[in-house]
Every structure is written in structure tokens, then in C-alpha cells.
């Protein structure tokens, strides 16, 4: 073993000891919706609805409440936590069909206000039929939030340009895992998708519903699919927007899939920017524009770029690009970002615009707080390889075809230093009807991921928004064809007769 691999192996071993002993694997599929007697008090609890004390929710006519659930469903008489939910009532009680629970993605996204926007994209006859239920899933927002007290805000980063930079990343990620174990202790294993699905069924019971409909986007599609697997007879009308392949979900496969997708989006952006060379000055061809980006990453590695009071290095720069490539309508913001960073690297005094400053506040300084709940959920759901050399090999193999995003998509994460999951991942394969909507150019959950979800849910229909690069379609990218499919399904329970391809209205 060479010196570099010895260092990496030592970091891995040290972190594994620091995180603590493994938790036993004990997962089995929960196929019955009947709660055990020990859970009766949760399913039968009385909810007290109050104002949400958040302007957008209060203005939308929502009320909020806390639902008590066990921290560990294996010990329902033990410690409890509360899960915060919101409710926007159906507009016509006479036509009311039931409730739509929801999740906006992440994992780790706060969802109390998610259904405000979703509701606006629904037709009046759909809004008449449903109470719209937002939720902060366990470990998030108002629901016993995870806080690992990280010095940086995000558990994903680029590995950088070379072996020395990768070693920095290994040390950083192992430290983040150690901090989570120290800050959250015995609570940490229980912030999982399977437990959130169990919480959803408790919420169903507490609301007095026999079944629940569901709207989830991004990670929320995985949560919805897990619910259909664990509680199939409690699943009503399920819509999954921008879907994760359940087999690929986690901090390895799902993230690896983002590499090629973001490189393709960067190609399209480079073409767009090349046509505007007089404005941005990165070159008049795709190759020149791409070359300017790669050169900027190498410059940031040699000398971190100062932007106002912030510094941007090769671990961070690809992440700033990634955050903006999920919507093709924001190509101008990507170009402006690269222009700002290039000017700063050239020695000009520049200040970040509000959007860039907000991103840097989270990524660099964990302000207003870190996003550690994302890794807590992913690492708690699915185990990953632990050998740093494995990730290093994947990074190097990806560089020729993914020169900007390969070092991010294949990088090691805190999950490599996490205690193993308390339960095995859910194997999703069932015939619960569902509607999957997906754009072909999605950079977060790729089109191939939606095809994987479609295979896992054998009674589903896939609605494809063709030749559009957008992540999360409904309420974000108006399209008459997609919107009609979603609204028809929620209104009548009718799926398209077969898979459907929609064209962009624009």
C-alpha cells in the first residue's frame, strides 16, 4: 500500500471508531396496515389544530398540529417525538374525497408549506376534493430536527482536482460523521425513510382516514414508494414527480447518476453561453466555454477565489454550478456566477449577489444552520462502501467523461463513516397504482431513475416531459399535458391508459 492509500485507510479506520458500533440489522417488510396494540395510542390520538404562525401558511388558510410518534417503532412505549403537519382544507366538503400527504424532497426538506404551491397548480375540482397535508418529516424543521452542528452546511462536496485534494475531502467527511454521532447520539439511527413512512400511517390514523393520497417530488418519490410497499392497502392516489429509482437511492448510486446528467446540462448551458460571448466573454464555442469552467476550477484549487467575505475552492465551485443547473430557465444565473468568480479570480473586487450569498452562507458557514438532516436520513437508510480508495478509483475513472462533476458525483460522503443502518433498505416492488412524471433533462433525479421507479411500481404510468431540463415539474414548469394527467388522476383516480409523452408548451 502506498503512502497516500495508507493515509486514506487510516482516516477511514479512525472515523469508524469515532462514529461507534454498528446497529443490528432487523428489517422486515411491514405488509399489514393494522397497528399493533402497543401503537393504538398513536393511531387514536386527538389532534389539536392551531394557527401555523408562518405568514404564507396562515394566509393560505392552513392550520398546524403536532402528531406524537415513537422515536423507535420497535419500542413504542419508549421515547416519543412529534411530527409537525399542516392542513389546508378541501374547498367543498360535500365533494371531499380525502387527504393528500406530501413531501418536497431533499431528503431533509421542510414540507409544511409545500402544498401551498402544489394547490395552486391543481384545478378547482381537485382542490374541492382534498385536504392538503404538508409535513416536516421526522428530523426536519419542527419535527425533532437533527442538528449535527457542522462547521460547513452540506454533506456533499466535490473531491477536488487531485489526490491531495481528495485526502482533504476524506478528512472533512469523516469529521462530519463524527460530529453527527457526537451531537445526536442514540437518536440518530431512527431518522429514516421507513420510520417516516410509519409516521405517515400514524398521521393517516390520527386524521381518521382509511387511505391516503400522496404527492412527492425528488426524494419524496422514494418516500412515497416506500409507503406503498409498507402499507399498500392504505395507499390511494399516488403521484411521484421527478422520481428516484429505489434501487439507486442513497449516497452512492443516486448521486453517481447526477454526474453525466449535469455534464449534459453543462453542455447545453455552454452552447447557450457561447451564443452570448459578447456579454460573458467565455468563448464562442461549447469547447471554449467548457474550457473556461474547467480552468476556473483549477485556479480555485491553486488559490481559493475570494468573493466578498467568502472563499470558493475546487471542493465548492462545482457545487455552486450544480445548484443552478436544475432549471434551464436559469442559464443566465449560471453564466453570471461563472463571470463573477472569473472576475474575482482575476483580482477584481466583486461582491456576491443575494442568491450567491445565500448559497455561500449555507455551504461555507452553516447559516442559518447546517443541512445535516439530509445525510442523517440517507446514511440511516442505505449503507455504502467504506474504503476511501474505492471512491478515489471511481473519481479518476469519471474524469475523462465528467471533468466538472465526476469528482462530485463519485466522491466519498459522511455515510462512509456512519454506523450501519438499523434496518435493511426497503425493496420496492408492488402493483399499487401510481403516476410518475419526469422530464428527460432532469439533473437531480435522472430519466433513467424514473424508468427504474416505473419498473418497481408495476401498475404505474410514466408521463414524460420531453426535451426539457427541469427538476420537479408540477407547480414549477407549467405544462398542459402533465398538469392534465396529474389533475385527472387526483380528481377521478384515472391513470392514462398507457405511458404518455408530453411536449413543452413553450
Protein backbone atom coordinates (compact mmCIF):
# COMPACT_ATOMS: atom_id res chain seq x y z
CA UNK A 1 0.00 0.00 0.00
CA UNK A 2 1.44 3.38 -0.99
CA UNK A 3 1.66 6.33 1.35
CA UNK A 4 -1.49 8.00 0.04
CA UNK A 5 -3.62 4.87 0.46
CA UNK A 6 -2.15 4.30 3.93
CA UNK A 7 -3.31 7.79 4.93
CA UNK A 8 -6.78 7.20 3.49
CA UNK A 9 -7.13 3.84 5.20
CA UNK A 10 -6.05 5.38 8.49
CA UNK A 11 -8.64 8.12 8.17
CA UNK A 12 -11.34 5.56 7.47
CA UNK A 13 -10.43 3.42 10.46
CA UNK A 14 -10.23 6.40 12.81
CA UNK A 15 -13.61 7.70 11.72
CA UNK A 16 -15.27 4.30 12.02
CA UNK A 17 -14.13 4.02 15.62
CA UNK A 18 -15.27 7.55 16.39
CA UNK A 19 -18.75 7.02 15.00
CA UNK A 20 -19.34 3.96 17.15
CA UNK A 21 -20.55 0.41 16.98
CA UNK A 22 -22.89 -0.85 14.27
CA UNK A 23 -26.61 -1.15 14.87
CA UNK A 24 -28.13 -4.58 14.26
CA UNK A 25 -29.99 -5.20 11.02
CA UNK A 26 -33.55 -6.32 11.66
CA UNK A 27 -35.76 -5.06 8.84
CA UNK A 28 -38.71 -6.99 7.52
CA UNK A 29 -41.41 -5.63 5.24
CA UNK A 30 -44.49 -4.35 7.04
CA UNK A 31 -47.26 -5.63 4.82
CA UNK A 32 -50.20 -5.21 7.20
CA UNK A 33 -51.78 -1.83 7.90
CA UNK A 34 -53.27 -2.97 11.20
CA UNK A 35 -51.34 -1.32 14.06
CA UNK A 36 -50.25 -3.41 16.98
CA UNK A 37 -51.97 -2.79 20.31
CA UNK A 38 -48.84 -1.02 21.51
CA UNK A 39 -49.31 1.55 18.74
CA UNK A 40 -53.04 2.10 19.31
CA UNK A 41 -52.47 5.24 21.37
CA UNK A 42 -50.63 6.85 18.47
CA UNK A 43 -53.20 5.96 15.83
CA UNK A 44 -56.06 7.04 18.07
CA UNK A 45 -54.63 10.32 19.32
CA UNK A 46 -56.68 13.52 19.15
CA UNK A 47 -55.12 16.32 17.15
CA UNK A 48 -55.35 19.96 18.21
CA UNK A 49 -55.27 22.32 15.24
CA UNK A 50 -53.87 25.81 15.70
CA UNK A 51 -52.55 28.67 13.56
CA UNK A 52 -49.20 27.80 11.97
CA UNK A 53 -47.62 31.15 12.85
CA UNK A 54 -46.00 31.28 9.43
CA UNK A 55 -47.34 34.06 7.19
CA UNK A 56 -47.64 32.04 3.97
CA UNK A 57 -49.40 29.16 5.68
CA UNK A 58 -51.70 31.36 7.72
CA UNK A 59 -52.60 33.39 4.63
CA UNK A 60 -53.40 30.16 2.75
CA UNK A 61 -55.89 29.23 5.46
CA UNK A 62 -53.75 26.43 6.84
CA UNK A 63 -53.68 25.19 10.39
CA UNK A 64 -50.95 23.14 12.03
CA UNK A 65 -50.65 20.44 14.66
CA UNK A 66 -48.11 18.06 16.13
CA UNK A 67 -48.55 14.30 15.82
CA UNK A 68 -46.88 12.19 18.51
CA UNK A 69 -44.96 9.16 17.23
CA UNK A 70 -42.47 6.76 18.79
CA UNK A 71 -38.82 7.52 18.15
CA UNK A 72 -38.23 3.77 17.76
CA UNK A 73 -41.19 1.79 16.43
CA UNK A 74 -39.58 -1.30 17.89
CA UNK A 75 -40.10 0.25 21.34
CA UNK A 76 -43.46 2.06 21.10
CA UNK A 77 -43.63 2.52 24.87
CA UNK A 78 -40.33 4.34 24.86
CA UNK A 79 -39.20 7.81 23.85
CA UNK A 80 -41.54 9.85 21.65
CA UNK A 81 -41.11 12.73 19.25
CA UNK A 82 -43.61 14.93 17.42
CA UNK A 83 -44.08 15.37 13.69
CA UNK A 84 -45.46 18.73 12.57
CA UNK A 85 -48.14 18.76 9.86
CA UNK A 86 -50.24 21.45 8.21
CA UNK A 87 -53.70 21.20 6.68
CA UNK A 88 -55.35 23.32 4.00
CA UNK A 89 -58.97 22.10 3.96
CA UNK A 90 -60.83 20.90 0.89
CA UNK A 91 -62.81 23.74 -0.62
CA UNK A 92 -66.08 21.76 -0.91
CA UNK A 93 -66.79 19.39 2.00
CA UNK A 94 -69.64 17.80 0.02
CA UNK A 95 -67.18 16.61 -2.65
CA UNK A 96 -64.37 15.72 -0.26
CA UNK A 97 -62.52 12.51 -1.20
CA UNK A 98 -59.82 12.51 1.47
CA UNK A 99 -56.33 13.85 2.16
CA UNK A 100 -53.14 14.26 0.14
CA UNK A 101 -49.96 13.89 2.19
CA UNK A 102 -46.78 15.24 0.69
CA UNK A 103 -43.02 15.59 0.70
CA UNK A 104 -40.93 18.20 -1.20
CA UNK A 105 -37.70 16.17 -1.40
CA UNK A 106 -34.21 16.53 -0.04
CA UNK A 107 -34.12 14.32 1.88
CA UNK A 108 -34.39 16.83 4.67
CA UNK A 109 -36.72 19.32 3.00
CA UNK A 110 -39.21 21.11 5.23
CA UNK A 111 -42.66 20.47 3.79
CA UNK A 112 -45.16 22.34 5.92
CA UNK A 113 -45.71 24.92 3.17
CA UNK A 114 -45.08 22.65 0.17
CA UNK A 115 -48.74 22.15 -0.65
CA UNK A 116 -49.42 25.87 -0.98
CA UNK A 117 -47.76 25.93 -4.38
CA UNK A 118 -48.98 22.47 -5.34
CA UNK A 119 -52.53 23.51 -4.53
CA UNK A 120 -52.25 26.46 -6.89
CA UNK A 121 -51.40 24.08 -9.75
CA UNK A 122 -54.46 21.94 -9.03
CA UNK A 123 -57.74 22.58 -10.78
CA UNK A 124 -60.67 23.81 -8.65
CA UNK A 125 -62.44 20.44 -8.86
CA UNK A 126 -59.35 18.75 -7.39
CA UNK A 127 -58.97 21.32 -4.62
CA UNK A 128 -62.61 20.74 -3.76
CA UNK A 129 -61.91 17.08 -3.02
CA UNK A 130 -58.87 17.06 -0.75
CA UNK A 131 -57.40 18.37 2.45
CA UNK A 132 -53.79 19.17 1.53
CA UNK A 133 -51.38 17.95 4.22
CA UNK A 134 -47.88 19.38 4.48
CA UNK A 135 -45.32 17.71 6.72
CA UNK A 136 -41.94 18.29 8.23
CA UNK A 137 -40.74 14.67 8.29
CA UNK A 138 -39.02 13.42 11.42
CA UNK A 139 -35.62 15.03 11.91
CA UNK A 140 -36.57 18.10 9.87
CA UNK A 141 -37.81 21.59 10.72
CA UNK A 142 -40.40 21.49 13.50
CA UNK A 143 -40.18 17.70 13.81
CA UNK A 144 -37.39 16.92 16.30
CA UNK A 145 -34.85 18.40 13.91
CA UNK A 146 -31.44 16.81 13.50
CA UNK A 147 -28.64 19.28 14.13
CA UNK A 148 -25.13 17.87 13.83
CA UNK A 149 -23.57 21.30 14.47
CA UNK A 150 -21.44 21.17 11.35
CA UNK A 151 -18.98 23.97 10.57
CA UNK A 152 -19.98 23.67 6.91
CA UNK A 153 -23.52 23.35 5.74
CA UNK A 154 -23.73 20.46 3.30
CA UNK A 155 -22.68 16.82 3.34
CA UNK A 156 -21.89 16.59 -0.38
CA UNK A 157 -18.86 18.21 -1.98
CA UNK A 158 -16.50 17.77 -4.89
CA UNK A 159 -13.36 15.74 -4.28
CA UNK A 160 -11.23 18.40 -5.95
CA UNK A 161 -8.67 18.11 -8.70
CA UNK A 162 -6.10 15.60 -7.37
CA UNK A 163 -5.12 13.09 -4.68
CA UNK A 164 -4.15 15.72 -2.13
CA UNK A 165 -7.50 17.46 -2.52
CA UNK A 166 -9.29 14.13 -2.21
CA UNK A 167 -7.49 13.44 1.06
CA UNK A 168 -8.85 16.79 2.32
CA UNK A 169 -12.34 15.62 1.38
CA UNK A 170 -11.93 12.30 3.19
CA UNK A 171 -10.88 14.13 6.35
CA UNK A 172 -13.77 16.58 6.06
CA UNK A 173 -16.42 13.90 5.52
CA UNK A 174 -15.17 11.71 8.36
CA UNK A 175 -15.26 14.74 10.65
CA UNK A 176 -18.87 15.49 9.67
CA UNK A 177 -19.88 11.92 10.53
CA UNK A 178 -18.10 12.14 13.88
CA UNK A 179 -19.87 15.39 14.70
CA UNK A 180 -23.27 13.86 13.92
CA UNK A 181 -22.61 10.86 16.16
CA UNK A 182 -21.48 13.15 18.97
CA UNK A 183 -24.33 15.64 18.63
CA UNK A 184 -27.25 13.29 18.05
CA UNK A 185 -26.12 10.12 19.81
CA UNK A 186 -28.75 7.44 20.28
CA UNK A 187 -31.42 9.34 18.28
CA UNK A 188 -29.53 9.17 15.01
CA UNK A 189 -30.47 5.66 13.76
CA UNK A 190 -34.19 6.43 13.83
CA UNK A 191 -34.37 9.28 11.32
CA UNK A 192 -35.06 7.07 8.33
CA UNK A 193 -37.43 6.81 5.41
CA UNK A 194 -39.01 3.63 6.76
CA UNK A 195 -39.81 5.37 10.04
CA UNK A 196 -41.18 8.41 8.19
CA UNK A 197 -43.45 6.05 6.23
CA UNK A 198 -44.62 4.62 9.56
CA UNK A 199 -45.23 8.18 10.77
CA UNK A 200 -47.35 8.80 7.68
CA UNK A 201 -49.55 5.85 8.57
CA UNK A 202 -49.92 7.13 12.13
CA UNK A 203 -50.89 10.51 10.66
CA UNK A 204 -53.45 8.74 8.48
CA UNK A 205 -54.96 7.06 11.52
CA UNK A 206 -54.96 10.25 13.59
CA UNK A 207 -56.74 12.06 10.74
CA UNK A 208 -59.40 9.33 10.69
CA UNK A 209 -58.67 8.29 7.10
CA UNK A 210 -58.79 4.77 5.71
CA UNK A 211 -56.31 5.59 2.93
CA UNK A 212 -54.09 8.49 1.93
CA UNK A 213 -53.27 10.01 -1.42
CA UNK A 214 -49.79 11.40 -1.85
CA UNK A 215 -47.75 13.99 -3.76
CA UNK A 216 -43.97 13.71 -3.58
CA UNK A 217 -41.12 15.16 -5.56
CA UNK A 218 -37.46 14.09 -5.80
CA UNK A 219 -36.59 12.18 -2.60
CA UNK A 220 -40.29 12.44 -1.83
CA UNK A 221 -40.91 9.93 -4.62
CA UNK A 222 -38.77 7.38 -2.79
CA UNK A 223 -40.65 8.05 0.44
CA UNK A 224 -43.94 7.59 -1.40
CA UNK A 225 -42.78 4.34 -2.97
CA UNK A 226 -41.61 3.01 0.41
CA UNK A 227 -45.04 3.85 1.84
CA UNK A 228 -46.77 1.90 -0.94
CA UNK A 229 -44.53 -1.08 -0.16
CA UNK A 230 -45.05 -1.00 3.59
CA UNK A 231 -48.73 -0.01 3.54
CA UNK A 232 -50.14 -0.97 0.14
CA UNK A 233 -53.77 -1.21 1.25
CA UNK A 234 -53.53 2.27 2.82
CA UNK A 235 -52.31 3.87 -0.44
CA UNK A 236 -54.82 5.74 -2.58
CA UNK A 237 -53.79 8.07 -5.44
CA UNK A 238 -50.01 8.36 -5.58
CA UNK A 239 -48.20 10.98 -7.71
CA UNK A 240 -44.40 10.87 -7.93
CA UNK A 241 -42.77 13.92 -9.54
CA UNK A 242 -39.13 13.58 -10.69
CA UNK A 243 -38.55 10.10 -9.42
CA UNK A 244 -35.72 8.20 -7.76
CA UNK A 245 -35.03 4.61 -8.79
CA UNK A 246 -35.46 2.74 -5.47
CA UNK A 247 -32.52 0.50 -6.38
CA UNK A 248 -30.27 3.55 -6.91
CA UNK A 249 -31.41 5.54 -3.87
CA UNK A 250 -28.70 6.54 -1.42
CA UNK A 251 -25.42 8.41 -1.19
CA UNK A 252 -23.74 6.38 -3.95
CA UNK A 253 -25.87 5.27 -6.91
CA UNK A 254 -28.34 8.14 -6.94
CA UNK A 255 -25.54 10.70 -6.63
CA UNK A 256 -23.35 8.97 -9.23
CA UNK A 257 -26.23 9.26 -11.69
CA UNK A 258 -26.07 13.03 -11.35
CA UNK A 259 -22.60 13.22 -12.90
CA UNK A 260 -23.45 12.54 -16.54
CA UNK A 261 -26.77 14.37 -16.26
CA UNK A 262 -25.12 17.57 -15.03
CA UNK A 263 -22.37 17.33 -17.65
CA UNK A 264 -25.10 17.15 -20.31
CA UNK A 265 -26.82 20.18 -18.80
CA UNK A 266 -23.48 21.99 -18.74
CA UNK A 267 -23.09 21.23 -22.44
CA UNK A 268 -26.46 22.82 -23.17
CA UNK A 269 -25.58 25.80 -20.99
CA UNK A 270 -22.21 26.14 -22.75
CA UNK A 271 -23.97 26.25 -26.12
CA UNK A 272 -26.30 28.95 -24.79
CA UNK A 273 -23.41 30.94 -23.33
CA UNK A 274 -21.30 30.63 -26.48
CA UNK A 275 -24.03 32.47 -28.37
CA UNK A 276 -23.62 35.32 -25.88
CA UNK A 277 -19.85 35.69 -25.92
CA UNK A 278 -20.16 39.45 -26.28
CA UNK A 279 -21.85 39.52 -22.86
CA UNK A 280 -20.00 36.84 -20.87
CA UNK A 281 -16.64 36.51 -22.71
CA UNK A 282 -16.03 32.79 -22.20
CA UNK A 283 -15.69 31.95 -25.89
CA UNK A 284 -17.91 31.39 -28.89
CA UNK A 285 -17.96 27.58 -28.88
CA UNK A 286 -19.02 24.92 -26.42
CA UNK A 287 -15.45 23.74 -26.05
CA UNK A 288 -14.17 27.22 -25.22
CA UNK A 289 -16.86 27.85 -22.64
CA UNK A 290 -16.34 24.47 -21.02
CA UNK A 291 -12.61 25.05 -21.02
CA UNK A 292 -13.15 28.31 -19.17
CA UNK A 293 -15.11 26.48 -16.46
CA UNK A 294 -12.52 23.71 -16.04
CA UNK A 295 -9.72 26.29 -15.93
CA UNK A 296 -11.60 28.23 -13.26
CA UNK A 297 -11.89 25.09 -11.10
CA UNK A 298 -8.13 24.55 -11.35
CA UNK A 299 -7.49 28.17 -10.47
CA UNK A 300 -9.73 27.82 -7.42
CA UNK A 301 -7.70 24.77 -6.37
CA UNK A 302 -4.41 26.63 -6.62
CA UNK A 303 -5.74 29.78 -4.95
CA UNK A 304 -9.24 29.88 -3.44
CA UNK A 305 -11.27 32.64 -5.02
CA UNK A 306 -12.33 35.46 -2.73
CA UNK A 307 -15.84 36.78 -3.31
CA UNK A 308 -16.72 39.42 -0.77
CA UNK A 309 -16.04 37.80 2.61
CA UNK A 310 -16.17 34.28 1.16
CA UNK A 311 -13.69 31.94 -0.48
CA UNK A 312 -14.54 29.39 -3.16
CA UNK A 313 -12.24 26.43 -3.83
CA UNK A 314 -12.38 23.35 -6.06
CA UNK A 315 -14.46 21.46 -3.49
CA UNK A 316 -17.13 24.15 -3.58
CA UNK A 317 -17.20 25.57 -7.10
CA UNK A 318 -18.79 22.53 -8.81
CA UNK A 319 -21.47 22.51 -6.11
CA UNK A 320 -22.42 26.11 -6.90
CA UNK A 321 -22.85 25.11 -10.55
CA UNK A 322 -24.82 22.01 -9.60
CA UNK A 323 -27.24 24.06 -7.52
CA UNK A 324 -28.18 26.15 -10.58
CA UNK A 325 -28.38 23.55 -13.35
CA UNK A 326 -31.71 22.02 -12.31
CA UNK A 327 -33.74 24.52 -14.35
CA UNK A 328 -32.85 25.51 -17.91
CA UNK A 329 -34.57 28.86 -17.45
CA UNK A 330 -31.74 29.89 -15.09
CA UNK A 331 -28.87 29.63 -17.56
CA UNK A 332 -28.28 33.35 -17.15
CA UNK A 333 -27.66 32.86 -13.41
CA UNK A 334 -25.09 30.14 -14.15
CA UNK A 335 -23.29 32.43 -16.59
CA UNK A 336 -23.40 35.32 -14.12
CA UNK A 337 -21.94 33.06 -11.42
CA UNK A 338 -19.03 31.97 -13.62
CA UNK A 339 -18.44 35.58 -14.68
CA UNK A 340 -18.38 36.76 -11.05
CA UNK A 341 -15.96 34.03 -9.98
CA UNK A 342 -13.73 34.60 -13.01
CA UNK A 343 -13.55 38.32 -12.30
CA UNK A 344 -12.70 37.59 -8.67
CA UNK A 345 -10.00 35.11 -9.69
CA UNK A 346 -8.57 37.82 -11.95
CA UNK A 347 -8.15 40.05 -8.92
CA UNK A 348 -11.18 42.26 -9.28
CA UNK A 349 -13.08 43.16 -6.11
CA UNK A 350 -16.53 41.64 -6.53
CA UNK A 351 -19.47 41.15 -4.20
CA UNK A 352 -21.81 38.17 -4.42
CA UNK A 353 -25.40 38.77 -5.49
CA UNK A 354 -28.09 37.85 -2.92
CA UNK A 355 -28.63 34.35 -4.36
CA UNK A 356 -24.92 33.53 -4.33
CA UNK A 357 -24.51 34.98 -0.85
CA UNK A 358 -27.39 32.87 0.44
CA UNK A 359 -25.83 29.71 -1.03
CA UNK A 360 -22.43 30.55 0.42
CA UNK A 361 -23.93 31.29 3.84
CA UNK A 362 -25.25 27.73 3.99
CA UNK A 363 -22.37 25.93 2.29
CA UNK A 364 -19.47 27.74 3.91
CA UNK A 365 -20.79 28.90 7.29
CA UNK A 366 -23.86 26.75 8.05
CA UNK A 367 -26.06 29.85 8.29
CA UNK A 368 -28.83 29.90 9.33
CA UNK A 369 -27.99 26.23 10.11
CA UNK A 370 -26.45 23.19 8.51
CA UNK A 371 -28.28 20.68 6.30
CA UNK A 372 -27.10 17.66 8.24
CA UNK A 373 -30.58 16.13 8.29
CA UNK A 374 -30.10 15.20 4.63
CA UNK A 375 -27.13 12.96 5.36
CA UNK A 376 -28.72 11.65 8.55
CA UNK A 377 -31.63 10.28 6.53
CA UNK A 378 -29.62 8.97 3.58
CA UNK A 379 -26.92 7.40 5.73
CA UNK A 380 -29.55 5.93 8.02
CA UNK A 381 -31.37 4.39 5.06
CA UNK A 382 -28.66 2.74 2.97
CA UNK A 383 -25.14 1.57 3.78
CA UNK A 384 -22.30 2.46 1.42
CA UNK A 385 -18.74 1.25 0.70
CA UNK A 386 -16.30 2.35 3.39
CA UNK A 387 -12.92 2.14 1.65
CA UNK A 388 -11.74 5.63 0.55
CA UNK A 389 -9.67 4.02 -2.21
CA UNK A 390 -12.89 2.72 -3.82
CA UNK A 391 -14.23 6.25 -4.21
CA UNK A 392 -10.86 7.53 -5.40
CA UNK A 393 -10.81 4.95 -8.20
CA UNK A 394 -14.31 5.93 -9.30
CA UNK A 395 -13.42 9.61 -9.28
CA UNK A 396 -10.40 9.10 -11.52
CA UNK A 397 -12.33 6.83 -13.88
CA UNK A 398 -15.01 9.51 -14.28
CA UNK A 399 -12.74 12.46 -15.06
CA UNK A 400 -12.40 11.94 -18.83
CA UNK A 401 -16.17 11.99 -19.43
CA UNK A 402 -17.25 14.08 -16.41
CA UNK A 403 -14.49 16.66 -15.97
CA UNK A 404 -16.60 19.09 -13.94
CA UNK A 405 -19.00 16.88 -11.97
CA UNK A 406 -17.35 13.45 -11.79
CA UNK A 407 -15.35 14.40 -8.70
CA UNK A 408 -18.61 15.43 -7.01
CA UNK A 409 -20.82 12.57 -8.16
CA UNK A 410 -18.30 9.88 -7.17
CA UNK A 411 -16.91 11.48 -4.04
CA UNK A 412 -16.91 9.95 -0.59
CA UNK A 413 -19.66 11.15 1.77
CA UNK A 414 -20.17 11.09 5.53
CA UNK A 415 -22.12 7.84 5.04
CA UNK A 416 -18.80 6.00 4.57
CA UNK A 417 -18.06 6.78 8.24
CA UNK A 418 -21.58 6.28 9.59
CA UNK A 419 -22.84 3.46 11.77
CA UNK A 420 -24.58 0.91 9.52
CA UNK A 421 -28.35 1.37 9.08
CA UNK A 422 -30.63 -0.08 11.75
CA UNK A 423 -32.80 -1.67 9.05
CA UNK A 424 -32.18 -3.04 5.59
CA UNK A 425 -33.31 -0.81 2.71
CA UNK A 426 -36.85 -1.33 1.52
CA UNK A 427 -37.17 -3.48 -1.59
CA UNK A 428 -39.83 -1.69 -3.62
CA UNK A 429 -41.79 -3.93 -5.98
CA UNK A 430 -45.58 -3.78 -5.93
CA UNK A 431 -48.67 -3.17 -8.02
CA UNK A 432 -50.03 -0.12 -6.21
CA UNK A 433 -51.21 2.28 -8.96
CA UNK A 434 -49.12 5.44 -9.26
CA UNK A 435 -48.50 8.30 -11.67
CA UNK A 436 -44.83 9.17 -12.35
CA UNK A 437 -43.99 12.44 -14.09
CA UNK A 438 -40.46 13.11 -15.31
CA UNK A 439 -38.52 15.45 -17.59
CA UNK A 440 -35.91 13.96 -19.90
CA UNK A 441 -33.26 16.50 -18.87
CA UNK A 442 -33.57 16.26 -15.09
CA UNK A 443 -30.15 16.78 -13.44
CA UNK A 444 -31.10 15.64 -9.93
CA UNK A 445 -33.17 12.51 -10.48
CA UNK A 446 -32.31 11.35 -13.97
CA UNK A 447 -34.74 9.99 -16.53
CA UNK A 448 -33.25 6.53 -16.07
CA UNK A 449 -34.17 6.79 -12.38
CA UNK A 450 -37.81 7.40 -13.31
CA UNK A 451 -37.71 4.36 -15.56
CA UNK A 452 -36.41 2.36 -12.60
CA UNK A 453 -39.27 3.58 -10.40
CA UNK A 454 -41.70 2.68 -13.20
CA UNK A 455 -40.36 -0.88 -13.23
CA UNK A 456 -40.58 -1.13 -9.44
CA UNK A 457 -44.21 0.03 -9.37
CA UNK A 458 -45.66 -2.37 -11.91
CA UNK A 459 -49.09 -0.71 -12.13
CA UNK A 460 -47.68 2.80 -12.60
CA UNK A 461 -47.84 5.04 -15.64
CA UNK A 462 -44.92 7.22 -16.72
CA UNK A 463 -45.63 10.68 -18.14
CA UNK A 464 -42.53 12.07 -19.85
CA UNK A 465 -41.95 15.79 -20.39
CA UNK A 466 -39.74 15.59 -23.45
CA UNK A 467 -36.73 17.76 -24.22
CA UNK A 468 -36.98 19.86 -21.05
CA UNK A 469 -34.37 20.16 -18.30
CA UNK A 470 -36.31 20.72 -15.09
CA UNK A 471 -36.33 19.02 -11.70
CA UNK A 472 -39.77 18.94 -10.08
CA UNK A 473 -42.38 19.69 -12.74
CA UNK A 474 -45.80 20.17 -11.18
CA UNK A 475 -46.14 23.73 -9.89
CA UNK A 476 -42.67 24.57 -11.23
CA UNK A 477 -42.89 24.09 -15.01
CA UNK A 478 -46.44 24.70 -16.27
CA UNK A 479 -47.35 22.14 -18.93
CA UNK A 480 -50.92 21.49 -20.01
CA UNK A 481 -50.30 17.82 -20.78
CA UNK A 482 -48.54 16.97 -17.50
CA UNK A 483 -50.92 19.10 -15.45
CA UNK A 484 -53.95 17.40 -17.02
CA UNK A 485 -52.58 13.94 -16.21
CA UNK A 486 -51.97 14.86 -12.56
CA UNK A 487 -55.27 16.65 -12.06
CA UNK A 488 -57.28 13.92 -13.78
CA UNK A 489 -55.72 11.25 -11.60
CA UNK A 490 -56.32 13.15 -8.39
CA UNK A 491 -59.87 14.06 -9.43
CA UNK A 492 -61.10 10.73 -10.83
CA UNK A 493 -58.49 8.16 -9.85
CA UNK A 494 -57.92 7.52 -13.55
CA UNK A 495 -54.41 6.87 -14.83
CA UNK A 496 -53.51 7.33 -18.51
CA UNK A 497 -54.31 4.20 -20.50
CA UNK A 498 -50.60 3.87 -21.31
CA UNK A 499 -47.35 5.75 -20.79
CA UNK A 500 -47.51 9.23 -22.22
CA UNK A 501 -45.06 11.72 -23.74
CA UNK A 502 -45.76 15.45 -23.35
CA UNK A 503 -44.21 18.25 -25.38
CA UNK A 504 -43.18 21.59 -23.94
CA UNK A 505 -45.94 24.19 -24.28
CA UNK A 506 -43.30 26.86 -24.80
